[in-house]
Every structure is written in C-alpha cells, then in structure tokens.
Amino acid sequence: MKTIIENKRWLVLIVLVAFFGADIFAQQVNVNQALSTVNQQVRGMFTMAANVMMAVGAIGALVGTIIVFSKWMKGDQGITSYVSNWMYALVFIGIAGIIIRALTGVQG
C-alpha cells in the first residue's frame, strides 16, 4: 500500500515538473540583450551617483563660503585651518565624482 502512495507522489511530482518545466525551458533569453540592458542600468546608477557627488560638492562649497566669510568678518584667528580643511574636502568630493565617471566610462 505504501509503495502505491509513493508511486502516486512521484507521478504527481513528475507531471508538475513536466508541466511547469516546459515553460521554463521554452523561454529563450537573449543573453547579449540582457547583459546590455544591465550594463546600461548600472552605468545610469553610477552616473547618478557622480552627479549627486558633484551636487553635494556644490552645496558644500556654498555653505563653506558663507561660514568662512562670517568667520573672517568676526576676526576669527583659526580661519586658515578651517579654510584649508574646507578646500581639501571640496577637492576630495570633486575628485571622487570624476573618478566614478572615469571608472564607468560615462561621459557628461
């Protein structure tokens, strides 16, 4: 009795695999087209990341300019170290955006 039930389970399993497996194997995927699409999407994400990096740098430049000007007008003695740190941060952000664009080969 047990072997009949096991045989029925195997038969049901084979029928299900044959039925649903046919759909899986019937779909032919163009690998080159899929890889091209993925490549374009990834490059688009890196382009967006580079643009965000440049925008953050521009906002940092504006905020830093206002802070440096206010410290300069107040006569703060430690302004030179603040200005140098601010400039190094802007250079780093700018270079990071350029490197991201260079690594992905994205122009613009």
PDB file of N, CA and C in Angstrom:
ATOM      1  N   MET A   1       0.824  -1.197   0.000  1.00  0.00           N
ATOM      2  CA  MET A   1       0.000   0.000   0.000  1.00  0.00           C
ATOM      3  C   MET A   1       0.864   1.254   0.000  1.00  0.00           C
ATOM      4  N   LYS A   2       1.945   1.226   0.785  1.00  0.00           N
ATOM      5  CA  LYS A   2       2.818   2.387   0.886  1.00  0.00           C
ATOM      6  C   LYS A   2       3.508   2.672  -0.450  1.00  0.00           C
ATOM      7  N   THR A   3       3.885   1.659  -1.173  1.00  0.00           N
ATOM      8  CA  THR A   3       4.560   1.864  -2.451  1.00  0.00           C
ATOM      9  C   THR A   3       3.634   2.470  -3.488  1.00  0.00           C
ATOM     10  N   ILE A   4       2.355   2.174  -3.421  1.00  0.00           N
ATOM     11  CA  ILE A   4       1.404   2.761  -4.361  1.00  0.00           C
ATOM     12  C   ILE A   4       1.277   4.259  -4.103  1.00  0.00           C
ATOM     13  N   ILE A   5       1.208   4.646  -2.821  1.00  0.00           N
ATOM     14  CA  ILE A   5       1.117   6.069  -2.478  1.00  0.00           C
ATOM     15  C   ILE A   5       2.391   6.790  -2.881  1.00  0.00           C
ATOM     16  N   GLU A   6       3.542   6.190  -2.627  1.00  0.00           N
ATOM     17  CA  GLU A   6       4.808   6.806  -3.021  1.00  0.00           C
ATOM     18  C   GLU A   6       4.896   6.925  -4.533  1.00  0.00           C
ATOM     19  N   ASN A   7       4.411   5.922  -5.250  1.00  0.00           N
ATOM     20  CA  ASN A   7       4.424   5.975  -6.705  1.00  0.00           C
ATOM     21  C   ASN A   7       3.516   7.087  -7.218  1.00  0.00           C
ATOM     22  N   LYS A   8       2.376   7.292  -6.559  1.00  0.00           N
ATOM     23  CA  LYS A   8       1.474   8.368  -6.962  1.00  0.00           C
ATOM     24  C   LYS A   8       2.111   9.732  -6.699  1.00  0.00           C
ATOM     25  N   ARG A   9       2.818   9.852  -5.582  1.00  0.00           N
ATOM     26  CA  ARG A   9       3.502  11.124  -5.281  1.00  0.00           C
ATOM     27  C   ARG A   9       4.559  11.418  -6.331  1.00  0.00           C
ATOM     28  N   TRP A  10       5.306  10.381  -6.695  1.00  0.00           N
ATOM     29  CA  TRP A  10       6.336  10.568  -7.724  1.00  0.00           C
ATOM     30  C   TRP A  10       5.700  10.922  -9.061  1.00  0.00           C
ATOM     31  N   LEU A  11       4.583  10.288  -9.367  1.00  0.00           N
ATOM     32  CA  LEU A  11       3.895  10.562 -10.624  1.00  0.00           C
ATOM     33  C   LEU A  11       3.393  11.999 -10.661  1.00  0.00           C
ATOM     34  N   VAL A  12       2.814  12.458  -9.548  1.00  0.00           N
ATOM     35  CA  VAL A  12       2.340  13.846  -9.460  1.00  0.00           C
ATOM     36  C   VAL A  12       3.521  14.811  -9.579  1.00  0.00           C
ATOM     37  N   LEU A  13       4.611  14.491  -8.916  1.00  0.00           N
ATOM     38  CA  LEU A  13       5.799  15.337  -8.989  1.00  0.00           C
ATOM     39  C   LEU A  13       6.348  15.408 -10.411  1.00  0.00           C
ATOM     40  N   ILE A  14       6.393  14.280 -11.094  1.00  0.00           N
ATOM     41  CA  ILE A  14       6.891  14.253 -12.472  1.00  0.00           C
ATOM     42  C   ILE A  14       5.981  15.045 -13.398  1.00  0.00           C
ATOM     43  N   VAL A  15       4.671  14.912 -13.209  1.00  0.00           N
ATOM     44  CA  VAL A  15       3.721  15.667 -14.037  1.00  0.00           C
ATOM     45  C   VAL A  15       3.867  17.170 -13.795  1.00  0.00           C
ATOM     46  N   LEU A  16       3.995  17.571 -12.528  1.00  0.00           N
ATOM     47  CA  LEU A  16       4.154  19.001 -12.226  1.00  0.00           C
ATOM     48  C   LEU A  16       5.452  19.562 -12.801  1.00  0.00           C
ATOM     49  N   VAL A  17       6.534  18.825 -12.657  1.00  0.00           N
ATOM     50  CA  VAL A  17       7.820  19.274 -13.202  1.00  0.00           C
ATOM     51  C   VAL A  17       7.736  19.370 -14.719  1.00  0.00           C
ATOM     52  N   ALA A  18       7.110  18.385 -15.344  1.00  0.00           N
ATOM     53  CA  ALA A  18       6.981  18.409 -16.801  1.00  0.00           C
ATOM     54  C   ALA A  18       6.109  19.576 -17.253  1.00  0.00           C
ATOM     55  N   PHE A  19       5.046  19.841 -16.525  1.00  0.00           N
ATOM     56  CA  PHE A  19       4.130  20.911 -16.910  1.00  0.00           C
ATOM     57  C   PHE A  19       4.761  22.290 -16.738  1.00  0.00           C
ATOM     58  N   PHE A  20       5.324  22.547 -15.545  1.00  0.00           N
ATOM     59  CA  PHE A  20       5.909  23.860 -15.281  1.00  0.00           C
ATOM     60  C   PHE A  20       7.317  23.991 -15.851  1.00  0.00           C
ATOM     61  N   GLY A  21       8.028  22.902 -15.972  1.00  0.00           N
ATOM     62  CA  GLY A  21       9.369  22.935 -16.528  1.00  0.00           C
ATOM     63  C   GLY A  21       9.374  23.261 -18.003  1.00  0.00           C
ATOM     64  N   ALA A  22       8.302  22.911 -18.699  1.00  0.00           N
ATOM     65  CA  ALA A  22       8.219  23.219 -20.127  1.00  0.00           C
ATOM     66  C   ALA A  22       8.220  24.721 -20.351  1.00  0.00           C
ATOM     67  N   ASP A  23       7.533  25.464 -19.475  1.00  0.00           N
ATOM     68  CA  ASP A  23       7.525  26.925 -19.592  1.00  0.00           C
ATOM     69  C   ASP A  23       8.908  27.509 -19.358  1.00  0.00           C
ATOM     70  N   ILE A  24       9.613  26.953 -18.403  1.00  0.00           N
ATOM     71  CA  ILE A  24      10.938  27.483 -18.081  1.00  0.00           C
ATOM     72  C   ILE A  24      11.886  27.284 -19.251  1.00  0.00           C
ATOM     73  N   PHE A  25      11.877  26.113 -19.835  1.00  0.00           N
ATOM     74  CA  PHE A  25      12.798  25.835 -20.931  1.00  0.00           C
ATOM     75  C   PHE A  25      12.323  26.429 -22.251  1.00  0.00           C
ATOM     76  N   ALA A  26      11.039  26.739 -22.364  1.00  0.00           N
ATOM     77  CA  ALA A  26      10.515  27.293 -23.606  1.00  0.00           C
ATOM     78  C   ALA A  26      10.907  28.762 -23.773  1.00  0.00           C
ATOM     79  N   GLN A  27      11.176  29.443 -22.669  1.00  0.00           N
ATOM     80  CA  GLN A  27      11.547  30.861 -22.746  1.00  0.00           C
ATOM     81  C   GLN A  27      13.012  30.961 -23.123  1.00  0.00           C
ATOM     82  N   GLN A  28      13.263  31.521 -24.277  1.00  0.00           N
ATOM     83  CA  GLN A  28      14.637  31.711 -24.709  1.00  0.00           C
ATOM     84  C   GLN A  28      15.015  33.153 -24.432  1.00  0.00           C
ATOM     85  N   VAL A  29      16.107  33.325 -23.724  1.00  0.00           N
ATOM     86  CA  VAL A  29      16.549  34.653 -23.324  1.00  0.00           C
ATOM     87  C   VAL A  29      17.733  35.037 -24.192  1.00  0.00           C
ATOM     88  N   ASN A  30      17.674  36.239 -24.736  1.00  0.00           N
ATOM     89  CA  ASN A  30      18.807  36.761 -25.493  1.00  0.00           C
ATOM     90  C   ASN A  30      19.805  37.301 -24.472  1.00  0.00           C
ATOM     91  N   VAL A  31      20.873  36.564 -24.250  1.00  0.00           N
ATOM     92  CA  VAL A  31      21.839  36.896 -23.202  1.00  0.00           C
ATOM     93  C   VAL A  31      22.531  38.223 -23.491  1.00  0.00           C
ATOM     94  N   ASN A  32      22.887  38.458 -24.741  1.00  0.00           N
ATOM     95  CA  ASN A  32      23.569  39.717 -25.088  1.00  0.00           C
ATOM     96  C   ASN A  32      22.677  40.918 -24.815  1.00  0.00           C
ATOM     97  N   GLN A  33      21.409  40.807 -25.132  1.00  0.00           N
ATOM     98  CA  GLN A  33      20.480  41.906 -24.883  1.00  0.00           C
ATOM     99  C   GLN A  33      20.297  42.118 -23.379  1.00  0.00           C
ATOM    100  N   ALA A  34      20.214  41.037 -22.619  1.00  0.00           N
ATOM    101  CA  ALA A  34      20.052  41.161 -21.170  1.00  0.00           C
ATOM    102  C   ALA A  34      21.279  41.800 -20.541  1.00  0.00           C
ATOM    103  N   LEU A  35      22.474  41.380 -20.962  1.00  0.00           N
ATOM    104  CA  LEU A  35      23.694  41.976 -20.418  1.00  0.00           C
ATOM    105  C   LEU A  35      23.831  43.446 -20.812  1.00  0.00           C
ATOM    106  N   SER A  36      23.423  43.776 -22.008  1.00  0.00           N
ATOM    107  CA  SER A  36      23.467  45.177 -22.439  1.00  0.00           C
ATOM    108  C   SER A  36      22.527  46.042 -21.610  1.00  0.00           C
ATOM    109  N   THR A  37      21.352  45.514 -21.331  1.00  0.00           N
ATOM    110  CA  THR A  37      20.389  46.251 -20.508  1.00  0.00           C
ATOM    111  C   THR A  37      20.921  46.456 -19.092  1.00  0.00           C
ATOM    112  N   VAL A  38      21.497  45.418 -18.518  1.00  0.00           N
ATOM    113  CA  VAL A  38      22.059  45.530 -17.170  1.00  0.00           C
ATOM    114  C   VAL A  38      23.215  46.520 -17.157  1.00  0.00           C
ATOM    115  N   ASN A  39      24.056  46.483 -18.191  1.00  0.00           N
ATOM    116  CA  ASN A  39      25.181  47.402 -18.295  1.00  0.00           C
ATOM    117  C   ASN A  39      24.703  48.850 -18.331  1.00  0.00           C
ATOM    118  N   GLN A  40      23.678  49.124 -19.120  1.00  0.00           N
ATOM    119  CA  GLN A  40      23.139  50.479 -19.207  1.00  0.00           C
ATOM    120  C   GLN A  40      22.534  50.928 -17.875  1.00  0.00           C
ATOM    121  N   GLN A  41      21.858  50.030 -17.186  1.00  0.00           N
ATOM    122  CA  GLN A  41      21.251  50.398 -15.907  1.00  0.00           C
ATOM    123  C   GLN A  41      22.309  50.685 -14.854  1.00  0.00           C
ATOM    124  N   VAL A  42      23.359  49.875 -14.815  1.00  0.00           N
ATOM    125  CA  VAL A  42      24.424  50.099 -13.835  1.00  0.00           C
ATOM    126  C   VAL A  42      25.157  51.395 -14.135  1.00  0.00           C
ATOM    127  N   ARG A  43      25.442  51.653 -15.415  1.00  0.00           N
ATOM    128  CA  ARG A  43      26.101  52.915 -15.771  1.00  0.00           C
ATOM    129  C   ARG A  43      25.214  54.114 -15.419  1.00  0.00           C
ATOM    130  N   GLY A  44      23.909  53.951 -15.576  1.00  0.00           N
ATOM    131  CA  GLY A  44      22.989  55.025 -15.198  1.00  0.00           C
ATOM    132  C   GLY A  44      23.028  55.305 -13.705  1.00  0.00           C
ATOM    133  N   MET A  45      23.158  54.238 -12.906  1.00  0.00           N
ATOM    134  CA  MET A  45      23.243  54.431 -11.452  1.00  0.00           C
ATOM    135  C   MET A  45      24.542  55.127 -11.073  1.00  0.00           C
ATOM    136  N   PHE A  46      25.648  54.739 -11.718  1.00  0.00           N
ATOM    137  CA  PHE A  46      26.914  55.391 -11.416  1.00  0.00           C
ATOM    138  C   PHE A  46      26.913  56.840 -11.886  1.00  0.00           C
ATOM    139  N   THR A  47      26.253  57.113 -13.004  1.00  0.00           N
ATOM    140  CA  THR A  47      26.140  58.494 -13.474  1.00  0.00           C
ATOM    141  C   THR A  47      25.371  59.318 -12.456  1.00  0.00           C
ATOM    142  N   MET A  48      24.296  58.752 -11.938  1.00  0.00           N
ATOM    143  CA  MET A  48      23.512  59.459 -10.931  1.00  0.00           C
ATOM    144  C   MET A  48      24.344  59.679  -9.668  1.00  0.00           C
ATOM    145  N   ALA A  49      25.130  58.686  -9.267  1.00  0.00           N
ATOM    146  CA  ALA A  49      25.974  58.830  -8.080  1.00  0.00           C
ATOM    147  C   ALA A  49      27.026  59.919  -8.289  1.00  0.00           C
ATOM    148  N   ALA A  50      27.596  59.991  -9.482  1.00  0.00           N
ATOM    149  CA  ALA A  50      28.585  61.033  -9.769  1.00  0.00           C
ATOM    150  C   ALA A  50      27.933  62.410  -9.748  1.00  0.00           C
ATOM    151  N   ASN A  51      26.730  62.510 -10.290  1.00  0.00           N
ATOM    152  CA  ASN A  51      26.024  63.793 -10.273  1.00  0.00           C
ATOM    153  C   ASN A  51      25.661  64.210  -8.853  1.00  0.00           C
ATOM    154  N   VAL A  52      25.260  63.244  -8.032  1.00  0.00           N
ATOM    155  CA  VAL A  52      24.955  63.546  -6.632  1.00  0.00           C
ATOM    156  C   VAL A  52      26.211  64.015  -5.907  1.00  0.00           C
ATOM    157  N   MET A  53      27.350  63.369  -6.207  1.00  0.00           N
ATOM    158  CA  MET A  53      28.616  63.760  -5.591  1.00  0.00           C
ATOM    159  C   MET A  53      28.967  65.202  -5.964  1.00  0.00           C
ATOM    160  N   MET A  54      28.774  65.562  -7.210  1.00  0.00           N
ATOM    161  CA  MET A  54      29.053  66.930  -7.650  1.00  0.00           C
ATOM    162  C   MET A  54      28.075  67.933  -7.005  1.00  0.00           C
ATOM    163  N   ALA A  55      26.819  67.541  -6.866  1.00  0.00           N
ATOM    164  CA  ALA A  55      25.835  68.424  -6.234  1.00  0.00           C
ATOM    165  C   ALA A  55      26.159  68.634  -4.759  1.00  0.00           C
ATOM    166  N   VAL A  56      26.575  67.568  -4.076  1.00  0.00           N
ATOM    167  CA  VAL A  56      26.974  67.696  -2.671  1.00  0.00           C
ATOM    168  C   VAL A  56      28.176  68.612  -2.557  1.00  0.00           C
ATOM    169  N   GLY A  57      29.105  68.496  -3.495  1.00  0.00           N
ATOM    170  CA  GLY A  57      30.272  69.383  -3.504  1.00  0.00           C
ATOM    171  C   GLY A  57      29.878  70.836  -3.704  1.00  0.00           C
ATOM    172  N   ALA A  58      28.923  71.079  -4.592  1.00  0.00           N
ATOM    173  CA  ALA A  58      28.478  72.453  -4.835  1.00  0.00           C
ATOM    174  C   ALA A  58      27.780  73.032  -3.608  1.00  0.00           C
ATOM    175  N   ILE A  59      26.942  72.239  -2.963  1.00  0.00           N
ATOM    176  CA  ILE A  59      26.266  72.711  -1.748  1.00  0.00           C
ATOM    177  C   ILE A  59      27.279  72.951  -0.641  1.00  0.00           C
ATOM    178  N   GLY A  60      28.247  72.032  -0.510  1.00  0.00           N
ATOM    179  CA  GLY A  60      29.311  72.216   0.483  1.00  0.00           C
ATOM    180  C   GLY A  60      30.127  73.466   0.223  1.00  0.00           C
ATOM    181  N   ALA A  61      30.346  73.768  -1.051  1.00  0.00           N
ATOM    182  CA  ALA A  61      31.088  74.982  -1.390  1.00  0.00           C
ATOM    183  C   ALA A  61      30.318  76.234  -0.974  1.00  0.00           C
ATOM    184  N   LEU A  62      29.022  76.241  -1.222  1.00  0.00           N
ATOM    185  CA  LEU A  62      28.218  77.412  -0.847  1.00  0.00           C
ATOM    186  C   LEU A  62      28.148  77.591   0.666  1.00  0.00           C
ATOM    187  N   VAL A  63      27.891  76.501   1.370  1.00  0.00           N
ATOM    188  CA  VAL A  63      27.805  76.589   2.834  1.00  0.00           C
ATOM    189  C   VAL A  63      29.164  76.976   3.415  1.00  0.00           C
ATOM    190  N   GLY A  64      30.228  76.352   2.908  1.00  0.00           N
ATOM    191  CA  GLY A  64      31.566  76.680   3.395  1.00  0.00           C
ATOM    192  C   GLY A  64      31.953  78.117   3.135  1.00  0.00           C
ATOM    193  N   THR A  65      31.547  78.644   1.983  1.00  0.00           N
ATOM    194  CA  THR A  65      31.839  80.037   1.661  1.00  0.00           C
ATOM    195  C   THR A  65      31.179  80.972   2.663  1.00  0.00           C
ATOM    196  N   ILE A  66      29.940  80.685   2.985  1.00  0.00           N
ATOM    197  CA  ILE A  66      29.220  81.538   3.942  1.00  0.00           C
ATOM    198  C   ILE A  66      29.875  81.454   5.322  1.00  0.00           C
ATOM    199  N   ILE A  67      30.254  80.256   5.747  1.00  0.00           N
ATOM    200  CA  ILE A  67      30.880  80.095   7.062  1.00  0.00           C
ATOM    201  C   ILE A  67      32.235  80.782   7.106  1.00  0.00           C
ATOM    202  N   VAL A  68      33.033  80.625   6.054  1.00  0.00           N
ATOM    203  CA  VAL A  68      34.352  81.269   6.015  1.00  0.00           C
ATOM    204  C   VAL A  68      34.202  82.782   6.041  1.00  0.00           C
ATOM    205  N   PHE A  69      33.246  83.301   5.285  1.00  0.00           N
ATOM    206  CA  PHE A  69      33.047  84.743   5.263  1.00  0.00           C
ATOM    207  C   PHE A  69      32.625  85.266   6.640  1.00  0.00           C
ATOM    208  N   SER A  70      31.716  84.546   7.298  1.00  0.00           N
ATOM    209  CA  SER A  70      31.278  85.006   8.620  1.00  0.00           C
ATOM    210  C   SER A  70      32.419  84.935   9.638  1.00  0.00           C
ATOM    211  N   LYS A  71      33.249  83.897   9.575  1.00  0.00           N
ATOM    212  CA  LYS A  71      34.390  83.809  10.492  1.00  0.00           C
ATOM    213  C   LYS A  71      35.409  84.904  10.192  1.00  0.00           C
ATOM    214  N   TRP A  72      35.591  85.183   8.919  1.00  0.00           N
ATOM    215  CA  TRP A  72      36.541  86.237   8.533  1.00  0.00           C
ATOM    216  C   TRP A  72      36.065  87.600   9.027  1.00  0.00           C
ATOM    217  N   MET A  73      34.751  87.848   8.915  1.00  0.00           N
ATOM    218  CA  MET A  73      34.201  89.126   9.362  1.00  0.00           C
ATOM    219  C   MET A  73      34.261  89.264  10.883  1.00  0.00           C
ATOM    220  N   LYS A  74      34.185  88.139  11.605  1.00  0.00           N
ATOM    221  CA  LYS A  74      34.276  88.176  13.063  1.00  0.00           C
ATOM    222  C   LYS A  74      35.712  88.296  13.544  1.00  0.00           C
ATOM    223  N   GLY A  75      36.677  88.085  12.644  1.00  0.00           N
ATOM    224  CA  GLY A  75      38.079  88.178  13.028  1.00  0.00           C
ATOM    225  C   GLY A  75      38.592  86.938  13.721  1.00  0.00           C
ATOM    226  N   ASP A  76      38.054  85.776  13.383  1.00  0.00           N
ATOM    227  CA  ASP A  76      38.468  84.518  13.996  1.00  0.00           C
ATOM    228  C   ASP A  76      39.936  84.227  13.657  1.00  0.00           C
ATOM    229  N   GLN A  77      40.702  83.810  14.654  1.00  0.00           N
ATOM    230  CA  GLN A  77      42.130  83.575  14.466  1.00  0.00           C
ATOM    231  C   GLN A  77      42.421  82.224  13.789  1.00  0.00           C
ATOM    232  N   GLY A  78      41.542  81.237  13.934  1.00  0.00           N
ATOM    233  CA  GLY A  78      41.786  79.912  13.382  1.00  0.00           C
ATOM    234  C   GLY A  78      41.161  79.702  12.018  1.00  0.00           C
ATOM    235  N   ILE A  79      40.995  80.765  11.270  1.00  0.00           N
ATOM    236  CA  ILE A  79      40.298  80.658   9.988  1.00  0.00           C
ATOM    237  C   ILE A  79      41.132  79.932   8.929  1.00  0.00           C
ATOM    238  N   THR A  80      42.445  80.022   9.008  1.00  0.00           N
ATOM    239  CA  THR A  80      43.277  79.390   7.972  1.00  0.00           C
ATOM    240  C   THR A  80      43.152  77.864   8.008  1.00  0.00           C
ATOM    241  N   SER A  81      43.102  77.280   9.199  1.00  0.00           N
ATOM    242  CA  SER A  81      42.939  75.822   9.273  1.00  0.00           C
ATOM    243  C   SER A  81      41.550  75.414   8.787  1.00  0.00           C
ATOM    244  N   TYR A  82      40.533  76.213   9.085  1.00  0.00           N
ATOM    245  CA  TYR A  82      39.192  75.900   8.619  1.00  0.00           C
ATOM    246  C   TYR A  82      39.115  75.988   7.101  1.00  0.00           C
ATOM    247  N   VAL A  83      39.721  77.012   6.529  1.00  0.00           N
ATOM    248  CA  VAL A  83      39.698  77.179   5.075  1.00  0.00           C
ATOM    249  C   VAL A  83      40.430  76.022   4.394  1.00  0.00           C
ATOM    250  N   SER A  84      41.575  75.629   4.934  1.00  0.00           N
ATOM    251  CA  SER A  84      42.314  74.532   4.303  1.00  0.00           C
ATOM    252  C   SER A  84      41.541  73.215   4.399  1.00  0.00           C
ATOM    253  N   ASN A  85      40.923  72.932   5.533  1.00  0.00           N
ATOM    254  CA  ASN A  85      40.106  71.718   5.666  1.00  0.00           C
ATOM    255  C   ASN A  85      38.913  71.735   4.718  1.00  0.00           C
ATOM    256  N   TRP A  86      38.295  72.873   4.588  1.00  0.00           N
ATOM    257  CA  TRP A  86      37.155  73.033   3.692  1.00  0.00           C
ATOM    258  C   TRP A  86      37.575  72.817   2.243  1.00  0.00           C
ATOM    259  N   MET A  87      38.712  73.363   1.857  1.00  0.00           N
ATOM    260  CA  MET A  87      39.195  73.205   0.487  1.00  0.00           C
ATOM    261  C   MET A  87      39.557  71.748   0.196  1.00  0.00           C
ATOM    262  N   TYR A  88      40.218  71.064   1.134  1.00  0.00           N
ATOM    263  CA  TYR A  88      40.568  69.663   0.926  1.00  0.00           C
ATOM    264  C   TYR A  88      39.316  68.801   0.780  1.00  0.00           C
ATOM    265  N   ALA A  89      38.288  69.106   1.545  1.00  0.00           N
ATOM    266  CA  ALA A  89      37.037  68.353   1.436  1.00  0.00           C
ATOM    267  C   ALA A  89      36.399  68.554   0.066  1.00  0.00           C
ATOM    268  N   LEU A  90      36.414  69.772  -0.430  1.00  0.00           N
ATOM    269  CA  LEU A  90      35.845  70.039  -1.754  1.00  0.00           C
ATOM    270  C   LEU A  90      36.639  69.358  -2.854  1.00  0.00           C
ATOM    271  N   VAL A  91      37.950  69.379  -2.734  1.00  0.00           N
ATOM    272  CA  VAL A  91      38.783  68.707  -3.725  1.00  0.00           C
ATOM    273  C   VAL A  91      38.507  67.207  -3.708  1.00  0.00           C
ATOM    274  N   PHE A  92      38.387  66.613  -2.526  1.00  0.00           N
ATOM    275  CA  PHE A  92      38.100  65.182  -2.415  1.00  0.00           C
ATOM    276  C   PHE A  92      36.763  64.843  -3.055  1.00  0.00           C
ATOM    277  N   ILE A  93      35.730  65.628  -2.782  1.00  0.00           N
ATOM    278  CA  ILE A  93      34.415  65.354  -3.350  1.00  0.00           C
ATOM    279  C   ILE A  93      34.454  65.491  -4.868  1.00  0.00           C
ATOM    280  N   GLY A  94      35.123  66.507  -5.361  1.00  0.00           N
ATOM    281  CA  GLY A  94      35.232  66.684  -6.811  1.00  0.00           C
ATOM    282  C   GLY A  94      35.988  65.551  -7.481  1.00  0.00           C
ATOM    283  N   ILE A  95      37.089  65.146  -6.895  1.00  0.00           N
ATOM    284  CA  ILE A  95      37.880  64.058  -7.475  1.00  0.00           C
ATOM    285  C   ILE A  95      37.117  62.738  -7.395  1.00  0.00           C
ATOM    286  N   ALA A  96      36.366  62.519  -6.324  1.00  0.00           N
ATOM    287  CA  ALA A  96      35.576  61.283  -6.214  1.00  0.00           C
ATOM    288  C   ALA A  96      34.544  61.202  -7.334  1.00  0.00           C
ATOM    289  N   GLY A  97      33.892  62.302  -7.641  1.00  0.00           N
ATOM    290  CA  GLY A  97      32.928  62.317  -8.748  1.00  0.00           C
ATOM    291  C   GLY A  97      33.592  62.052 -10.085  1.00  0.00           C
ATOM    292  N   ILE A  98      34.768  62.638 -10.291  1.00  0.00           N
ATOM    293  CA  ILE A  98      35.497  62.428 -11.543  1.00  0.00           C
ATOM    294  C   ILE A  98      35.959  60.983 -11.657  1.00  0.00           C
ATOM    295  N   ILE A  99      36.421  60.399 -10.555  1.00  0.00           N
ATOM    296  CA  ILE A  99      36.880  59.007 -10.581  1.00  0.00           C
ATOM    297  C   ILE A  99      35.722  58.056 -10.876  1.00  0.00           C
ATOM    298  N   ILE A 100      34.562  58.314 -10.294  1.00  0.00           N
ATOM    299  CA  ILE A 100      33.398  57.468 -10.572  1.00  0.00           C
ATOM    300  C   ILE A 100      33.057  57.524 -12.054  1.00  0.00           C
ATOM    301  N   ARG A 101      33.094  58.707 -12.634  1.00  0.00           N
ATOM    302  CA  ARG A 101      32.812  58.816 -14.065  1.00  0.00           C
ATOM    303  C   ARG A 101      33.875  58.129 -14.907  1.00  0.00           C
ATOM    304  N   ALA A 102      35.128  58.256 -14.502  1.00  0.00           N
ATOM    305  CA  ALA A 102      36.212  57.633 -15.264  1.00  0.00           C
ATOM    306  C   ALA A 102      36.146  56.111 -15.185  1.00  0.00           C
ATOM    307  N   LEU A 103      35.824  55.567 -14.030  1.00  0.00           N
ATOM    308  CA  LEU A 103      35.756  54.116 -13.884  1.00  0.00           C
ATOM    309  C   LEU A 103      34.617  53.501 -14.668  1.00  0.00           C
ATOM    310  N   THR A 104      33.520  54.208 -14.793  1.00  0.00           N
ATOM    311  CA  THR A 104      32.385  53.666 -15.517  1.00  0.00           C
ATOM    312  C   THR A 104      32.426  54.026 -16.993  1.00  0.00           C
ATOM    313  N   GLY A 105      33.298  54.937 -17.391  1.00  0.00           N
ATOM    314  CA  GLY A 105      33.383  55.318 -18.796  1.00  0.00           C
ATOM    315  C   GLY A 105      32.218  56.156 -19.260  1.00  0.00           C
ATOM    316  N   VAL A 106      31.561  56.842 -18.337  1.00  0.00           N
ATOM    317  CA  VAL A 106      30.397  57.651 -18.663  1.00  0.00           C
ATOM    318  C   VAL A 106      30.851  59.074 -18.950  1.00  0.00           C
ATOM    319  N   GLN A 107      30.367  59.619 -20.036  1.00  0.00           N
ATOM    320  CA  GLN A 107      30.687  60.996 -20.382  1.00  0.00           C
ATOM    321  C   GLN A 107      29.513  61.894 -20.016  1.00  0.00           C
ATOM    322  N   GLY A 108      29.833  63.121 -19.612  1.00  0.00           N
ATOM    323  CA  GLY A 108      28.767  64.089 -19.363  1.00  0.00           C
ATOM    324  C   GLY A 108      28.455  64.315 -17.985  1.00  0.00           C
TER     325      GLY A 108
END
